Amino acid sequence: MPLAPPPSRPIVRAKATIPPFCTHIAASLNEATASRGFLLLSVALVIGESIGSYRITAKLGEGGMGVVYVGEHQFIARGAAIKVLLPEFSANREIVKRFFNEARATSVIRHPGIVEITDCALLPDGSAYIVMELLEGESLGGCLLREERLSVQRAAHLTRHIADALA
């Protein structure tokens, strides 16, 4: 349930500079954020709920600033990972600007080692989100947990792939 902000904390309308990649959300940014008079403290999407053209099918993970869901495009049945910024961060125009700049910067990179960004927008509660390709496989963190220590050859192999993607 939404929590009302403390009376001493004024509601400030967010006015972010939206990158050209996400211009379709500029009109809704001011209306959808803190101007509604409440702040949400978490993103709690329900399996089956829609984000844009995607239907949420699972929760993939969460961190300090957001939640990542698995979605499926409703018409072409293509899977996607959807990163949703928590509403309390979406109310901060600088954080939203950085979040969408991340989407823009990543979307111009064409490399098999870099995730493809396909969309970004705002949810009705003002939470910013990025839609990206859904990758299969193990994360580097998962690999390190499983193997505990990498051989020099394996570490060099992974480092070469990472450096190639970032070059």
Foldseek 3Di string as FASTA:
>chain_A
DWDADPPVDDQDFAQADAPPQAPVANVVQRVQACVVRTFDAADDDDQQDDDVQWGFHAWDAADDFWTWTWTARNPPRAIKIKTKGHRVQLSHRVSVRVVNVVLVVQCVQDDPVGWHWDHWHADSNRIIMTIIHDDDDDDPVRVCVVVVDDDPVVVVVVVVSVVVSVD
